[in-house]
Protein backbone atom coordinates (compact mmCIF):
# COMPACT_ATOMS: atom_id res chain seq x y z
CA PRO A 1 56.65 53.63 98.09
CA GLY A 2 58.96 53.85 95.06
CA THR A 3 61.39 56.79 94.39
CA LEU A 4 60.70 59.68 96.47
CA PHE A 5 61.23 63.32 95.17
CA GLY A 6 59.09 65.78 97.35
CA LEU A 7 58.83 66.18 101.05
CA ALA A 8 56.99 68.65 103.30
CA VAL A 9 56.84 68.88 107.02
CA ASP A 10 53.78 70.13 109.14
CA TRP A 11 55.44 70.38 112.53
CA LYS A 12 52.50 72.01 114.12
CA ARG A 13 50.22 68.95 113.21
CA GLY A 14 52.71 66.54 113.43
CA ARG A 15 52.91 65.11 109.95
CA PHE A 16 54.93 65.04 106.68
CA PHE A 17 54.07 64.39 103.27
CA VAL A 18 55.77 62.97 100.43
CA GLY A 19 55.38 62.77 96.94
CA GLY A 20 57.34 60.52 94.25
CA SER A 21 57.04 57.84 91.39
CA GLU A 22 53.91 56.03 92.75
CA ARG A 23 51.64 59.38 91.65
CA ASP A 24 50.01 60.15 94.78
CA VAL A 25 50.59 62.21 97.82
CA LEU A 26 51.27 60.27 101.02
CA THR A 27 50.71 61.39 104.61
CA PHE A 28 52.42 60.06 107.56
CA ASP A 29 52.05 60.72 111.16
CA LEU A 30 55.51 61.91 113.00
CA ASP A 31 54.35 60.32 116.44
CA ARG A 32 54.20 56.88 114.93
CA LYS A 33 57.12 54.67 115.95
CA LYS A 34 59.80 54.36 113.22
CA ASN A 35 59.11 50.51 112.64
CA ASP A 36 55.42 51.38 112.12
CA ARG A 37 55.61 54.34 109.88
CA LYS A 38 53.07 53.54 107.25
CA PRO A 39 51.07 56.18 105.51
CA ILE A 40 47.99 57.22 107.18
CA ALA A 41 46.60 58.71 103.88
CA SER A 42 47.27 58.47 100.19
CA TRP A 43 45.93 61.20 97.90
CA THR A 44 45.76 60.42 94.31
CA LYS A 45 44.86 62.79 91.37
CA HIS A 46 48.33 63.20 89.54
CA THR A 47 49.02 61.03 86.29
CA ASN A 48 52.36 61.00 86.75
CA TYR A 49 55.40 61.39 89.43
CA VAL A 50 54.89 64.04 91.91
CA SER A 51 57.95 65.94 91.84
CA CYS A 52 57.71 68.44 94.67
CA LEU A 53 55.64 69.93 97.35
CA ALA A 54 55.10 72.66 99.29
CA LEU A 55 53.34 73.43 102.66
CA ILE A 56 51.16 76.45 103.20
CA PRO A 57 50.69 75.94 107.13
CA ASN A 58 48.87 79.41 107.76
CA SER A 59 46.00 79.22 105.64
CA ASP A 60 42.66 78.07 106.74
CA PRO A 61 42.48 75.17 105.94
CA PRO A 62 46.07 74.31 105.71
CA ARG A 63 47.14 73.64 102.04
CA LEU A 64 49.71 71.37 100.59
CA VAL A 65 50.66 72.27 96.76
CA SER A 66 52.08 69.27 94.66
CA GLY A 67 53.87 69.54 91.42
CA SER A 68 54.20 66.77 88.90
CA TYR A 69 55.80 65.43 85.79
CA ASP A 70 52.10 65.55 84.44
CA LYS A 71 52.59 69.55 84.30
CA THR A 72 50.08 70.29 86.80
CA LEU A 73 50.06 71.92 90.26
CA ILE A 74 47.38 70.69 92.81
CA TRP A 75 46.32 72.51 95.85
CA TRP A 76 44.94 70.08 98.28
CA ASN A 77 43.31 70.85 101.81
CA ALA A 78 45.98 69.27 104.06
CA ASP A 79 43.96 68.15 106.79
CA SER A 80 41.28 66.22 104.76
CA GLY A 81 43.50 65.41 101.58
CA GLU A 82 40.50 67.14 99.37
CA PRO A 83 42.03 68.55 95.89
CA LEU A 84 40.91 72.33 96.07
CA PHE A 85 42.32 73.35 92.79
CA THR A 86 44.20 72.07 89.82
CA LYS A 87 46.32 74.26 87.31
CA ASP A 88 47.91 73.38 84.05
CA ALA A 89 51.24 74.82 84.97
CA HIS A 90 53.99 74.26 82.67
CA ALA A 91 55.15 73.11 79.37
CA GLY A 92 57.23 70.44 80.87
CA TRP A 93 57.30 68.79 84.18
CA VAL A 94 56.82 70.88 87.13
CA ARG A 95 60.24 70.85 88.95
CA ASP A 96 60.04 72.57 91.92
CA VAL A 97 57.31 74.64 93.94
CA VAL A 98 57.68 77.34 96.77
CA ALA A 99 54.88 78.61 99.13
CA LEU A 100 55.56 82.24 100.16
CA PRO A 101 53.99 83.86 103.19
CA ASP A 102 51.41 86.21 101.44
């Protein structure tokens, strides 16, 4: 899947998310066998590399925030992959994102 830049793990739901040079967020099932580790979903909305990810697991529904070289942040429904909100976030590419409990 190209170069990977961001990783977020949802231990409660048994999956992890990666973002990178392919411009999408890939969802993987932690329970799949190592040799069968193909994405179970691919979410596409960024127009450049996905550089960072942060999971907000206790929201309803759980949310994933992705940052990108396209200068945007996108909030996703972590269960369905539906984009919930997009924000032009920065004058340059977004390098990191952190989710706080409140």
